[in-house]
Structure formats: structure tokens, C-alpha cells
């Protein structure tokens, strides 16, 4: 079908940045369904009081098995309709979240401003 346009390239790159999991050094994988999990980092939770409304720990965690396969584990009992949340990574400031995932977390204890 001919050469891809710059717009198609930018779309594909945005998918790589926002939908893939790091599976090794310089390796990423697009894993269907797993990319539906939303971010709720535990970083902000640790600096808030227990009574802060609307913030809770992630409902799931993930890791890689010995063969490099992704495993997702429920961190608590989930009911039908519950949101599945994981951490997209720690030590990320809001620039990283906006550029690579297209959103800015409500609370981010790693946000910084260079003066």
C-alpha cells in the first residue's frame, strides 16, 4: 500500500507508548485486554490520610513469568463492574504521564517543576 504518512506513524508510535508493557530491556509488548487496566499509582496514596475520598490502592498487580508472559493478579476481591487498576510505573512526573499515556494523574507525589 505505499509509504505511510507522518500522521499514521505518529498514531502507531502513540500506541506503542500508551498501550505496551515493558517486557525486558529495550523490549515492549502489546498485550490485548491487559492494556485495559487503568493507572492508579500507589505513590500518591502513601502521602495522603486514610480518609481521603476517592483514592484507594490498585486493584491488581502484574509481573512477567520466566518465559516473559504477562501475569495479572487481583490485589483484592473484585466484583463484576469493578475497575481494574495497576501502576503504570513509579518515579514518573506529570510530563511523562501526559506525553506517554495522554493523561495527568489527579495526585502525583513525583511531580516536579524545574526552576
PDB file of N, CA and C in Angstrom:
ATOM      1  N   UNK A   1       0.818  -1.182   0.000  1.00  0.00           N
ATOM      2  CA  UNK A   1       0.000   0.000   0.000  1.00  0.00           C
ATOM      3  C   UNK A   1       0.864   1.249   0.000  1.00  0.00           C
ATOM      4  N   UNK A   2       2.030   1.316  -0.280  1.00  0.00           N
ATOM      5  CA  UNK A   2       2.772   2.570  -0.341  1.00  0.00           C
ATOM      6  C   UNK A   2       3.269   3.044   1.010  1.00  0.00           C
ATOM      7  N   UNK A   3       3.895   4.195   0.978  1.00  0.00           N
ATOM      8  CA  UNK A   3       4.503   4.764   2.187  1.00  0.00           C
ATOM      9  C   UNK A   3       3.437   5.253   3.165  1.00  0.00           C
ATOM     10  N   UNK A   4       3.739   5.107   4.437  1.00  0.00           N
ATOM     11  CA  UNK A   4       2.840   5.599   5.478  1.00  0.00           C
ATOM     12  C   UNK A   4       3.013   7.094   5.648  1.00  0.00           C
ATOM     13  N   UNK A   5       1.956   7.737   6.028  1.00  0.00           N
ATOM     14  CA  UNK A   5       2.024   9.169   6.262  1.00  0.00           C
ATOM     15  C   UNK A   5       2.617   9.430   7.636  1.00  0.00           C
ATOM     16  N   UNK A   6       3.033  10.641   7.846  1.00  0.00           N
ATOM     17  CA  UNK A   6       3.545  11.037   9.162  1.00  0.00           C
ATOM     18  C   UNK A   6       2.459  10.862  10.226  1.00  0.00           C
ATOM     19  N   UNK A   7       1.221  11.173   9.865  1.00  0.00           N
ATOM     20  CA  UNK A   7       0.111  11.020  10.802  1.00  0.00           C
ATOM     21  C   UNK A   7      -0.057   9.557  11.222  1.00  0.00           C
ATOM     22  N   UNK A   8       0.056   8.630  10.292  1.00  0.00           N
ATOM     23  CA  UNK A   8      -0.041   7.205  10.624  1.00  0.00           C
ATOM     24  C   UNK A   8       1.121   6.766  11.513  1.00  0.00           C
ATOM     25  N   UNK A   9       2.317   7.273  11.231  1.00  0.00           N
ATOM     26  CA  UNK A   9       3.478   6.955  12.056  1.00  0.00           C
ATOM     27  C   UNK A   9       3.280   7.459  13.483  1.00  0.00           C
ATOM     28  N   UNK A  10       2.813   8.693  13.632  1.00  0.00           N
ATOM     29  CA  UNK A  10       2.595   9.261  14.968  1.00  0.00           C
ATOM     30  C   UNK A  10       1.513   8.494  15.713  1.00  0.00           C
ATOM     31  N   UNK A  11       0.463   8.053  15.020  1.00  0.00           N
ATOM     32  CA  UNK A  11      -0.568   7.247  15.651  1.00  0.00           C
ATOM     33  C   UNK A  11       0.034   5.929  16.161  1.00  0.00           C
ATOM     34  N   UNK A  12       0.816   5.256  15.318  1.00  0.00           N
ATOM     35  CA  UNK A  12       1.430   3.979  15.712  1.00  0.00           C
ATOM     36  C   UNK A  12       2.375   4.167  16.892  1.00  0.00           C
ATOM     37  N   UNK A  13       3.150   5.227  16.888  1.00  0.00           N
ATOM     38  CA  UNK A  13       4.066   5.495  17.993  1.00  0.00           C
ATOM     39  C   UNK A  13       3.295   5.764  19.283  1.00  0.00           C
ATOM     40  N   UNK A  14       2.169   6.462  19.182  1.00  0.00           N
ATOM     41  CA  UNK A  14       1.369   6.725  20.385  1.00  0.00           C
ATOM     42  C   UNK A  14       0.811   5.423  20.956  1.00  0.00           C
ATOM     43  N   UNK A  15       0.471   4.470  20.115  1.00  0.00           N
ATOM     44  CA  UNK A  15       0.008   3.153  20.588  1.00  0.00           C
ATOM     45  C   UNK A  15       1.135   2.439  21.323  1.00  0.00           C
ATOM     46  N   UNK A  16       2.334   2.475  20.775  1.00  0.00           N
ATOM     47  CA  UNK A  16       3.483   1.836  21.436  1.00  0.00           C
ATOM     48  C   UNK A  16       3.707   2.446  22.809  1.00  0.00           C
ATOM     49  N   UNK A  17       3.670   3.762  22.897  1.00  0.00           N
ATOM     50  CA  UNK A  17       3.928   4.424  24.185  1.00  0.00           C
ATOM     51  C   UNK A  17       2.797   4.230  25.193  1.00  0.00           C
ATOM     52  N   UNK A  18       1.554   4.213  24.738  1.00  0.00           N
ATOM     53  CA  UNK A  18       0.436   4.222  25.685  1.00  0.00           C
ATOM     54  C   UNK A  18      -0.173   2.847  25.960  1.00  0.00           C
ATOM     55  N   UNK A  19       0.125   1.860  25.160  1.00  0.00           N
ATOM     56  CA  UNK A  19      -0.571   0.569  25.284  1.00  0.00           C
ATOM     57  C   UNK A  19       0.335  -0.637  25.502  1.00  0.00           C
ATOM     58  N   UNK A  20       1.643  -0.464  25.505  1.00  0.00           N
ATOM     59  CA  UNK A  20       2.520  -1.615  25.623  1.00  0.00           C
ATOM     60  C   UNK A  20       3.086  -1.756  27.030  1.00  0.00           C
ATOM     61  N   UNK A  21       3.546  -2.955  27.329  1.00  0.00           N
ATOM     62  CA  UNK A  21       4.193  -3.261  28.602  1.00  0.00           C
ATOM     63  C   UNK A  21       5.666  -3.516  28.335  1.00  0.00           C
ATOM     64  N   UNK A  22       6.512  -3.015  29.226  1.00  0.00           N
ATOM     65  CA  UNK A  22       7.944  -3.281  29.118  1.00  0.00           C
ATOM     66  C   UNK A  22       8.172  -4.722  29.556  1.00  0.00           C
ATOM     67  N   UNK A  23       8.730  -5.537  28.652  1.00  0.00           N
ATOM     68  CA  UNK A  23       8.937  -6.953  28.926  1.00  0.00           C
ATOM     69  C   UNK A  23      10.411  -7.327  29.024  1.00  0.00           C
ATOM     70  N   UNK A  24      11.257  -6.354  29.042  1.00  0.00           N
ATOM     71  CA  UNK A  24      12.698  -6.570  29.136  1.00  0.00           C
ATOM     72  C   UNK A  24      13.391  -5.300  28.712  1.00  0.00           C
ATOM     73  N   UNK A  25      14.707  -5.313  28.839  1.00  0.00           N
ATOM     74  CA  UNK A  25      15.446  -4.127  28.430  1.00  0.00           C
ATOM     75  C   UNK A  25      15.263  -3.927  26.934  1.00  0.00           C
ATOM     76  N   UNK A  26      14.779  -2.768  26.558  1.00  0.00           N
ATOM     77  CA  UNK A  26      14.525  -2.409  25.159  1.00  0.00           C
ATOM     78  C   UNK A  26      13.498  -3.299  24.475  1.00  0.00           C
ATOM     79  N   UNK A  27      12.609  -3.952  25.253  1.00  0.00           N
ATOM     80  CA  UNK A  27      11.553  -4.776  24.665  1.00  0.00           C
ATOM     81  C   UNK A  27      10.209  -4.343  25.225  1.00  0.00           C
ATOM     82  N   UNK A  28       9.232  -4.249  24.330  1.00  0.00           N
ATOM     83  CA  UNK A  28       7.874  -3.893  24.725  1.00  0.00           C
ATOM     84  C   UNK A  28       6.934  -4.847  24.007  1.00  0.00           C
ATOM     85  N   UNK A  29       5.771  -5.086  24.608  1.00  0.00           N
ATOM     86  CA  UNK A  29       4.784  -5.979  24.001  1.00  0.00           C
ATOM     87  C   UNK A  29       3.398  -5.362  24.117  1.00  0.00           C
ATOM     88  N   UNK A  30       2.633  -5.469  23.049  1.00  0.00           N
ATOM     89  CA  UNK A  30       1.234  -5.068  23.047  1.00  0.00           C
ATOM     90  C   UNK A  30       0.439  -6.310  23.433  1.00  0.00           C
ATOM     91  N   UNK A  31      -0.210  -6.268  24.597  1.00  0.00           N
ATOM     92  CA  UNK A  31      -0.891  -7.445  25.134  1.00  0.00           C
ATOM     93  C   UNK A  31      -2.382  -7.138  25.211  1.00  0.00           C
ATOM     94  N   UNK A  32      -3.155  -7.721  24.286  1.00  0.00           N
ATOM     95  CA  UNK A  32      -4.591  -7.435  24.260  1.00  0.00           C
ATOM     96  C   UNK A  32      -5.254  -7.696  25.608  1.00  0.00           C
ATOM     97  N   UNK A  33      -6.192  -6.885  25.951  1.00  0.00           N
ATOM     98  CA  UNK A  33      -7.008  -6.894  27.162  1.00  0.00           C
ATOM     99  C   UNK A  33      -6.229  -6.354  28.357  1.00  0.00           C
ATOM    100  N   UNK A  34      -4.958  -6.737  28.535  1.00  0.00           N
ATOM    101  CA  UNK A  34      -4.179  -6.241  29.669  1.00  0.00           C
ATOM    102  C   UNK A  34      -4.056  -4.723  29.623  1.00  0.00           C
ATOM    103  N   UNK A  35      -4.052  -4.152  28.429  1.00  0.00           N
ATOM    104  CA  UNK A  35      -3.913  -2.702  28.315  1.00  0.00           C
ATOM    105  C   UNK A  35      -5.187  -1.952  28.698  1.00  0.00           C
ATOM    106  N   UNK A  36      -6.249  -2.663  29.044  1.00  0.00           N
ATOM    107  CA  UNK A  36      -7.463  -2.013  29.518  1.00  0.00           C
ATOM    108  C   UNK A  36      -7.344  -1.544  30.968  1.00  0.00           C
ATOM    109  N   UNK A  37      -6.371  -2.056  31.715  1.00  0.00           N
ATOM    110  CA  UNK A  37      -6.208  -1.661  33.116  1.00  0.00           C
ATOM    111  C   UNK A  37      -5.820  -0.185  33.195  1.00  0.00           C
ATOM    112  N   UNK A  38      -6.449   0.543  34.081  1.00  0.00           N
ATOM    113  CA  UNK A  38      -6.164   1.960  34.275  1.00  0.00           C
ATOM    114  C   UNK A  38      -5.083   2.158  35.325  1.00  0.00           C
ATOM    115  N   UNK A  39      -4.476   3.341  35.310  1.00  0.00           N
ATOM    116  CA  UNK A  39      -3.439   3.688  36.291  1.00  0.00           C
ATOM    117  C   UNK A  39      -4.062   4.247  37.560  1.00  0.00           C
ATOM    118  N   UNK A  40      -3.602   3.763  38.658  1.00  0.00           N
ATOM    119  CA  UNK A  40      -3.855   4.391  39.952  1.00  0.00           C
ATOM    120  C   UNK A  40      -2.604   4.107  40.754  1.00  0.00           C
ATOM    121  N   UNK A  41      -1.667   5.009  40.687  1.00  0.00           N
ATOM    122  CA  UNK A  41      -0.393   4.785  41.350  1.00  0.00           C
ATOM    123  C   UNK A  41      -0.514   4.786  42.851  1.00  0.00           C
ATOM    124  N   UNK A  42       0.286   3.985  43.496  1.00  0.00           N
ATOM    125  CA  UNK A  42       0.284   3.938  44.952  1.00  0.00           C
ATOM    126  C   UNK A  42       1.122   5.060  45.541  1.00  0.00           C
ATOM    127  N   UNK A  43       1.847   5.769  44.682  1.00  0.00           N
ATOM    128  CA  UNK A  43       2.739   6.821  45.167  1.00  0.00           C
ATOM    129  C   UNK A  43       1.976   7.903  45.928  1.00  0.00           C
ATOM    130  N   UNK A  44       0.892   8.391  45.344  1.00  0.00           N
ATOM    131  CA  UNK A  44       0.130   9.473  45.966  1.00  0.00           C
ATOM    132  C   UNK A  44      -0.593   8.993  47.213  1.00  0.00           C
ATOM    133  N   UNK A  45      -0.998   7.755  47.227  1.00  0.00           N
ATOM    134  CA  UNK A  45      -1.743   7.226  48.363  1.00  0.00           C
ATOM    135  C   UNK A  45      -0.909   7.277  49.636  1.00  0.00           C
ATOM    136  N   UNK A  46       0.381   7.037  49.501  1.00  0.00           N
ATOM    137  CA  UNK A  46       1.234   6.978  50.684  1.00  0.00           C
ATOM    138  C   UNK A  46       1.384   8.329  51.367  1.00  0.00           C
ATOM    139  N   UNK A  47       1.094   9.421  50.671  1.00  0.00           N
ATOM    140  CA  UNK A  47       1.238  10.739  51.283  1.00  0.00           C
ATOM    141  C   UNK A  47      -0.093  11.313  51.759  1.00  0.00           C
ATOM    142  N   UNK A  48      -1.158  10.554  51.609  1.00  0.00           N
ATOM    143  CA  UNK A  48      -2.487  11.037  51.976  1.00  0.00           C
ATOM    144  C   UNK A  48      -2.994  10.344  53.228  1.00  0.00           C
ATOM    145  N   UNK A  49      -3.932  10.981  53.875  1.00  0.00           N
ATOM    146  CA  UNK A  49      -4.566  10.355  55.033  1.00  0.00           C
ATOM    147  C   UNK A  49      -5.454   9.213  54.559  1.00  0.00           C
ATOM    148  N   UNK A  50      -5.735   8.272  55.429  1.00  0.00           N
ATOM    149  CA  UNK A  50      -6.587   7.130  55.088  1.00  0.00           C
ATOM    150  C   UNK A  50      -7.981   7.557  54.677  1.00  0.00           C
ATOM    151  N   UNK A  51      -8.430   8.697  55.137  1.00  0.00           N
ATOM    152  CA  UNK A  51      -9.802   9.117  54.898  1.00  0.00           C
ATOM    153  C   UNK A  51      -9.984   9.930  53.622  1.00  0.00           C
ATOM    154  N   UNK A  52      -8.947  10.035  52.797  1.00  0.00           N
ATOM    155  CA  UNK A  52      -9.073  10.834  51.581  1.00  0.00           C
ATOM    156  C   UNK A  52     -10.041  10.139  50.628  1.00  0.00           C
ATOM    157  N   UNK A  53     -11.116  10.836  50.301  1.00  0.00           N
ATOM    158  CA  UNK A  53     -12.174  10.247  49.493  1.00  0.00           C
ATOM    159  C   UNK A  53     -11.709  10.022  48.047  1.00  0.00           C
ATOM    160  N   UNK A  54     -12.032   8.864  47.509  1.00  0.00           N
ATOM    161  CA  UNK A  54     -11.778   8.587  46.102  1.00  0.00           C
ATOM    162  C   UNK A  54     -10.421   7.989  45.790  1.00  0.00           C
ATOM    163  N   UNK A  55      -9.548   7.836  46.762  1.00  0.00           N
ATOM    164  CA  UNK A  55      -8.234   7.262  46.495  1.00  0.00           C
ATOM    165  C   UNK A  55      -8.119   5.929  47.220  1.00  0.00           C
ATOM    166  N   UNK A  56      -7.744   4.909  46.496  1.00  0.00           N
ATOM    167  CA  UNK A  56      -7.512   3.613  47.117  1.00  0.00           C
ATOM    168  C   UNK A  56      -6.371   2.927  46.380  1.00  0.00           C
ATOM    169  N   UNK A  57      -5.911   1.835  46.938  1.00  0.00           N
ATOM    170  CA  UNK A  57      -4.791   1.114  46.329  1.00  0.00           C
ATOM    171  C   UNK A  57      -5.223   0.471  45.018  1.00  0.00           C
ATOM    172  N   UNK A  58      -4.251   0.065  44.212  1.00  0.00           N
ATOM    173  CA  UNK A  58      -4.548  -0.625  42.956  1.00  0.00           C
ATOM    174  C   UNK A  58      -5.328  -1.902  43.227  1.00  0.00           C
ATOM    175  N   UNK A  59      -6.183  -2.264  42.294  1.00  0.00           N
ATOM    176  CA  UNK A  59      -6.954  -3.488  42.438  1.00  0.00           C
ATOM    177  C   UNK A  59      -6.226  -4.692  41.858  1.00  0.00           C
ATOM    178  N   UNK A  60      -5.108  -4.458  41.168  1.00  0.00           N
ATOM    179  CA  UNK A  60      -4.353  -5.564  40.572  1.00  0.00           C
ATOM    180  C   UNK A  60      -2.870  -5.212  40.499  1.00  0.00           C
ATOM    181  N   UNK A  61      -2.068  -6.227  40.346  1.00  0.00           N
ATOM    182  CA  UNK A  61      -0.633  -6.067  40.106  1.00  0.00           C
ATOM    183  C   UNK A  61      -0.273  -6.937  38.908  1.00  0.00           C
ATOM    184  N   UNK A  62       0.900  -6.728  38.373  1.00  0.00           N
ATOM    185  CA  UNK A  62       1.337  -7.565  37.254  1.00  0.00           C
ATOM    186  C   UNK A  62       2.829  -7.817  37.334  1.00  0.00           C
ATOM    187  N   UNK A  63       3.245  -8.910  36.710  1.00  0.00           N
ATOM    188  CA  UNK A  63       4.662  -9.208  36.561  1.00  0.00           C
ATOM    189  C   UNK A  63       4.840 -10.108  35.345  1.00  0.00           C
ATOM    190  N   UNK A  64       6.072 -10.480  35.088  1.00  0.00           N
ATOM    191  CA  UNK A  64       6.386 -11.363  33.961  1.00  0.00           C
ATOM    192  C   UNK A  64       6.818 -12.719  34.495  1.00  0.00           C
ATOM    193  N   UNK A  65       6.339 -13.787  33.858  1.00  0.00           N
ATOM    194  CA  UNK A  65       6.779 -15.111  34.272  1.00  0.00           C
ATOM    195  C   UNK A  65       8.144 -15.415  33.643  1.00  0.00           C
ATOM    196  N   UNK A  66       8.687 -16.591  33.904  1.00  0.00           N
ATOM    197  CA  UNK A  66      10.032 -16.959  33.438  1.00  0.00           C
ATOM    198  C   UNK A  66      10.154 -16.935  31.916  1.00  0.00           C
ATOM    199  N   UNK A  67       9.051 -17.157  31.214  1.00  0.00           N
ATOM    200  CA  UNK A  67       9.076 -17.147  29.745  1.00  0.00           C
ATOM    201  C   UNK A  67       8.771 -15.770  29.165  1.00  0.00           C
ATOM    202  N   UNK A  68       8.560 -14.792  30.018  1.00  0.00           N
ATOM    203  CA  UNK A  68       8.263 -13.443  29.553  1.00  0.00           C
ATOM    204  C   UNK A  68       6.791 -13.163  29.360  1.00  0.00           C
ATOM    205  N   UNK A  69       5.921 -14.086  29.777  1.00  0.00           N
ATOM    206  CA  UNK A  69       4.485 -13.874  29.676  1.00  0.00           C
ATOM    207  C   UNK A  69       3.980 -12.967  30.792  1.00  0.00           C
ATOM    208  N   UNK A  70       2.991 -12.164  30.485  1.00  0.00           N
ATOM    209  CA  UNK A  70       2.426 -11.248  31.466  1.00  0.00           C
ATOM    210  C   UNK A  70       1.425 -11.988  32.349  1.00  0.00           C
ATOM    211  N   UNK A  71       1.538 -11.774  33.670  1.00  0.00           N
ATOM    212  CA  UNK A  71       0.584 -12.326  34.632  1.00  0.00           C
ATOM    213  C   UNK A  71      -0.042 -11.161  35.383  1.00  0.00           C
ATOM    214  N   UNK A  72      -1.357 -11.166  35.493  1.00  0.00           N
ATOM    215  CA  UNK A  72      -2.080 -10.138  36.240  1.00  0.00           C
ATOM    216  C   UNK A  72      -2.754 -10.823  37.422  1.00  0.00           C
ATOM    217  N   UNK A  73      -2.584 -10.228  38.615  1.00  0.00           N
ATOM    218  CA  UNK A  73      -3.141 -10.785  39.839  1.00  0.00           C
ATOM    219  C   UNK A  73      -4.077  -9.777  40.485  1.00  0.00           C
ATOM    220  N   UNK A  74      -5.232 -10.235  40.912  1.00  0.00           N
ATOM    221  CA  UNK A  74      -6.132  -9.371  41.668  1.00  0.00           C
ATOM    222  C   UNK A  74      -5.511  -9.107  43.032  1.00  0.00           C
ATOM    223  N   UNK A  75      -5.484  -7.851  43.452  1.00  0.00           N
ATOM    224  CA  UNK A  75      -4.916  -7.481  44.748  1.00  0.00           C
ATOM    225  C   UNK A  75      -5.982  -7.497  45.843  1.00  0.00           C
ATOM    226  N   UNK A  76      -7.232  -7.646  45.437  1.00  0.00           N
ATOM    227  CA  UNK A  76      -8.346  -7.736  46.385  1.00  0.00           C
ATOM    228  C   UNK A  76      -9.486  -8.425  45.663  1.00  0.00           C
ATOM    229  N   UNK A  77     -10.508  -8.794  46.400  1.00  0.00           N
ATOM    230  CA  UNK A  77     -11.679  -9.402  45.771  1.00  0.00           C
ATOM    231  C   UNK A  77     -12.335  -8.374  44.856  1.00  0.00           C
ATOM    232  N   UNK A  78     -12.579  -8.770  43.616  1.00  0.00           N
ATOM    233  CA  UNK A  78     -13.209  -7.886  42.645  1.00  0.00           C
ATOM    234  C   UNK A  78     -14.611  -8.385  42.331  1.00  0.00           C
ATOM    235  N   UNK A  79     -15.505  -7.450  42.155  1.00  0.00           N
ATOM    236  CA  UNK A  79     -16.877  -7.765  41.776  1.00  0.00           C
ATOM    237  C   UNK A  79     -17.082  -7.345  40.323  1.00  0.00           C
ATOM    238  N   UNK A  80     -18.075  -7.904  39.688  1.00  0.00           N
ATOM    239  CA  UNK A  80     -18.391  -7.520  38.319  1.00  0.00           C
ATOM    240  C   UNK A  80     -18.574  -6.011  38.250  1.00  0.00           C
ATOM    241  N   UNK A  81     -17.917  -5.379  37.287  1.00  0.00           N
ATOM    242  CA  UNK A  81     -18.018  -3.934  37.116  1.00  0.00           C
ATOM    243  C   UNK A  81     -16.947  -3.138  37.829  1.00  0.00           C
ATOM    244  N   UNK A  82     -16.154  -3.777  38.722  1.00  0.00           N
ATOM    245  CA  UNK A  82     -15.070  -3.066  39.408  1.00  0.00           C
ATOM    246  C   UNK A  82     -13.988  -2.669  38.409  1.00  0.00           C
ATOM    247  N   UNK A  83     -13.417  -1.506  38.610  1.00  0.00           N
ATOM    248  CA  UNK A  83     -12.324  -1.038  37.767  1.00  0.00           C
ATOM    249  C   UNK A  83     -11.046  -1.797  38.127  1.00  0.00           C
ATOM    250  N   UNK A  84     -10.320  -2.243  37.097  1.00  0.00           N
ATOM    251  CA  UNK A  84      -9.023  -2.888  37.303  1.00  0.00           C
ATOM    252  C   UNK A  84      -7.955  -1.814  37.155  1.00  0.00           C
ATOM    253  N   UNK A  85      -7.197  -1.593  38.240  1.00  0.00           N
ATOM    254  CA  UNK A  85      -6.160  -0.561  38.214  1.00  0.00           C
ATOM    255  C   UNK A  85      -4.817  -1.162  38.581  1.00  0.00           C
ATOM    256  N   UNK A  86      -3.787  -0.663  37.902  1.00  0.00           N
ATOM    257  CA  UNK A  86      -2.404  -1.034  38.170  1.00  0.00           C
ATOM    258  C   UNK A  86      -1.586   0.248  38.210  1.00  0.00           C
ATOM    259  N   UNK A  87      -0.335   0.145  38.578  1.00  0.00           N
ATOM    260  CA  UNK A  87       0.554   1.295  38.495  1.00  0.00           C
ATOM    261  C   UNK A  87       1.271   1.258  37.152  1.00  0.00           C
ATOM    262  N   UNK A  88       1.269   2.366  36.445  1.00  0.00           N
ATOM    263  CA  UNK A  88       1.992   2.455  35.181  1.00  0.00           C
ATOM    264  C   UNK A  88       3.477   2.695  35.408  1.00  0.00           C
ATOM    265  N   UNK A  89       3.889   2.725  36.645  1.00  0.00           N
ATOM    266  CA  UNK A  89       5.300   2.919  36.978  1.00  0.00           C
ATOM    267  C   UNK A  89       5.459   4.018  37.996  1.00  0.00           C
ATOM    268  N   UNK A  90       6.523   3.918  38.756  1.00  0.00           N
ATOM    269  CA  UNK A  90       6.783   4.931  39.775  1.00  0.00           C
ATOM    270  C   UNK A  90       7.846   5.896  39.281  1.00  0.00           C
ATOM    271  N   UNK A  91       8.045   6.935  40.036  1.00  0.00           N
ATOM    272  CA  UNK A  91       9.048   7.963  39.744  1.00  0.00           C
ATOM    273  C   UNK A  91       8.784   8.706  38.441  1.00  0.00           C
ATOM    274  N   UNK A  92       7.537   8.757  38.001  1.00  0.00           N
ATOM    275  CA  UNK A  92       7.189   9.484  36.774  1.00  0.00           C
ATOM    276  C   UNK A  92       6.536  10.801  37.143  1.00  0.00           C
ATOM    277  N   UNK A  93       6.976  11.870  36.480  1.00  0.00           N
ATOM    278  CA  UNK A  93       6.307  13.141  36.729  1.00  0.00           C
ATOM    279  C   UNK A  93       5.154  13.300  35.741  1.00  0.00           C
ATOM    280  N   UNK A  94       4.411  14.375  35.882  1.00  0.00           N
ATOM    281  CA  UNK A  94       3.221  14.560  35.063  1.00  0.00           C
ATOM    282  C   UNK A  94       3.532  14.695  33.580  1.00  0.00           C
ATOM    283  N   UNK A  95       4.718  15.214  33.238  1.00  0.00           N
ATOM    284  CA  UNK A  95       5.110  15.275  31.824  1.00  0.00           C
ATOM    285  C   UNK A  95       5.117  13.882  31.208  1.00  0.00           C
ATOM    286  N   UNK A  96       5.689  12.903  31.922  1.00  0.00           N
ATOM    287  CA  UNK A  96       5.737  11.533  31.414  1.00  0.00           C
ATOM    288  C   UNK A  96       4.331  10.984  31.189  1.00  0.00           C
ATOM    289  N   UNK A  97       3.464  11.181  32.185  1.00  0.00           N
ATOM    290  CA  UNK A  97       2.102  10.667  32.050  1.00  0.00           C
ATOM    291  C   UNK A  97       1.385  11.315  30.868  1.00  0.00           C
ATOM    292  N   UNK A  98       1.526  12.617  30.725  1.00  0.00           N
ATOM    293  CA  UNK A  98       0.829  13.310  29.647  1.00  0.00           C
ATOM    294  C   UNK A  98       1.366  12.900  28.276  1.00  0.00           C
ATOM    295  N   UNK A  99       2.667  12.881  28.119  1.00  0.00           N
ATOM    296  CA  UNK A  99       3.271  12.566  26.822  1.00  0.00           C
ATOM    297  C   UNK A  99       3.044  11.114  26.422  1.00  0.00           C
ATOM    298  N   UNK A 100       3.235  10.182  27.362  1.00  0.00           N
ATOM    299  CA  UNK A 100       3.200   8.766  27.009  1.00  0.00           C
ATOM    300  C   UNK A 100       1.847   8.090  27.210  1.00  0.00           C
ATOM    301  N   UNK A 101       0.991   8.636  28.075  1.00  0.00           N
ATOM    302  CA  UNK A 101      -0.289   7.979  28.347  1.00  0.00           C
ATOM    303  C   UNK A 101      -1.492   8.860  28.049  1.00  0.00           C
ATOM    304  N   UNK A 102      -1.274  10.155  27.835  1.00  0.00           N
ATOM    305  CA  UNK A 102      -2.362  11.037  27.445  1.00  0.00           C
ATOM    306  C   UNK A 102      -3.214  11.557  28.578  1.00  0.00           C
ATOM    307  N   UNK A 103      -2.742  11.449  29.816  1.00  0.00           N
ATOM    308  CA  UNK A 103      -3.484  11.986  30.954  1.00  0.00           C
ATOM    309  C   UNK A 103      -2.506  12.416  32.036  1.00  0.00           C
ATOM    310  N   UNK A 104      -3.019  13.170  32.987  1.00  0.00           N
ATOM    311  CA  UNK A 104      -2.230  13.594  34.151  1.00  0.00           C
ATOM    312  C   UNK A 104      -2.952  13.078  35.391  1.00  0.00           C
ATOM    313  N   UNK A 105      -2.253  12.326  36.253  1.00  0.00           N
ATOM    314  CA  UNK A 105      -2.909  11.813  37.465  1.00  0.00           C
ATOM    315  C   UNK A 105      -3.420  12.937  38.353  1.00  0.00           C
ATOM    316  N   UNK A 106      -4.499  12.667  39.038  1.00  0.00           N
ATOM    317  CA  UNK A 106      -5.071  13.649  39.960  1.00  0.00           C
ATOM    318  C   UNK A 106      -4.067  14.027  41.044  1.00  0.00           C
ATOM    319  N   UNK A 107      -3.365  13.038  41.564  1.00  0.00           N
ATOM    320  CA  UNK A 107      -2.330  13.255  42.574  1.00  0.00           C
ATOM    321  C   UNK A 107      -1.068  12.516  42.148  1.00  0.00           C
ATOM    322  N   UNK A 108       0.075  13.173  42.226  1.00  0.00           N
ATOM    323  CA  UNK A 108       1.332  12.536  41.830  1.00  0.00           C
ATOM    324  C   UNK A 108       2.443  13.103  42.705  1.00  0.00           C
ATOM    325  N   UNK A 109       2.903  12.299  43.646  1.00  0.00           N
ATOM    326  CA  UNK A 109       3.945  12.771  44.566  1.00  0.00           C
ATOM    327  C   UNK A 109       5.295  12.926  43.881  1.00  0.00           C
ATOM    328  N   UNK A 110       5.422  12.490  42.615  1.00  0.00           N
ATOM    329  CA  UNK A 110       6.691  12.640  41.882  1.00  0.00           C
ATOM    330  C   UNK A 110       6.656  13.792  40.906  1.00  0.00           C
ATOM    331  N   UNK A 111       5.601  14.597  40.925  1.00  0.00           N
ATOM    332  CA  UNK A 111       5.555  15.768  40.068  1.00  0.00           C
ATOM    333  C   UNK A 111       6.622  16.758  40.515  1.00  0.00           C
ATOM    334  N   UNK A 112       7.265  17.381  39.553  1.00  0.00           N
ATOM    335  CA  UNK A 112       8.323  18.338  39.878  1.00  0.00           C
ATOM    336  C   UNK A 112       8.276  19.507  38.894  1.00  0.00           C
ATOM    337  N   UNK A 113       8.863  20.599  39.316  1.00  0.00           N
ATOM    338  CA  UNK A 113       8.989  21.776  38.475  1.00  0.00           C
ATOM    339  C   UNK A 113      10.431  22.231  38.561  1.00  0.00           C
ATOM    340  N   UNK A 114      11.061  22.384  37.395  1.00  0.00           N
ATOM    341  CA  UNK A 114      12.436  22.848  37.383  1.00  0.00           C
ATOM    342  C   UNK A 114      12.451  24.373  37.340  1.00  0.00           C
ATOM    343  N   UNK A 115      13.166  24.976  38.288  1.00  0.00           N
ATOM    344  CA  UNK A 115      13.235  26.435  38.345  1.00  0.00           C
ATOM    345  C   UNK A 115      14.553  26.936  37.814  1.00  0.00           C
TER     346      UNK A 115
END
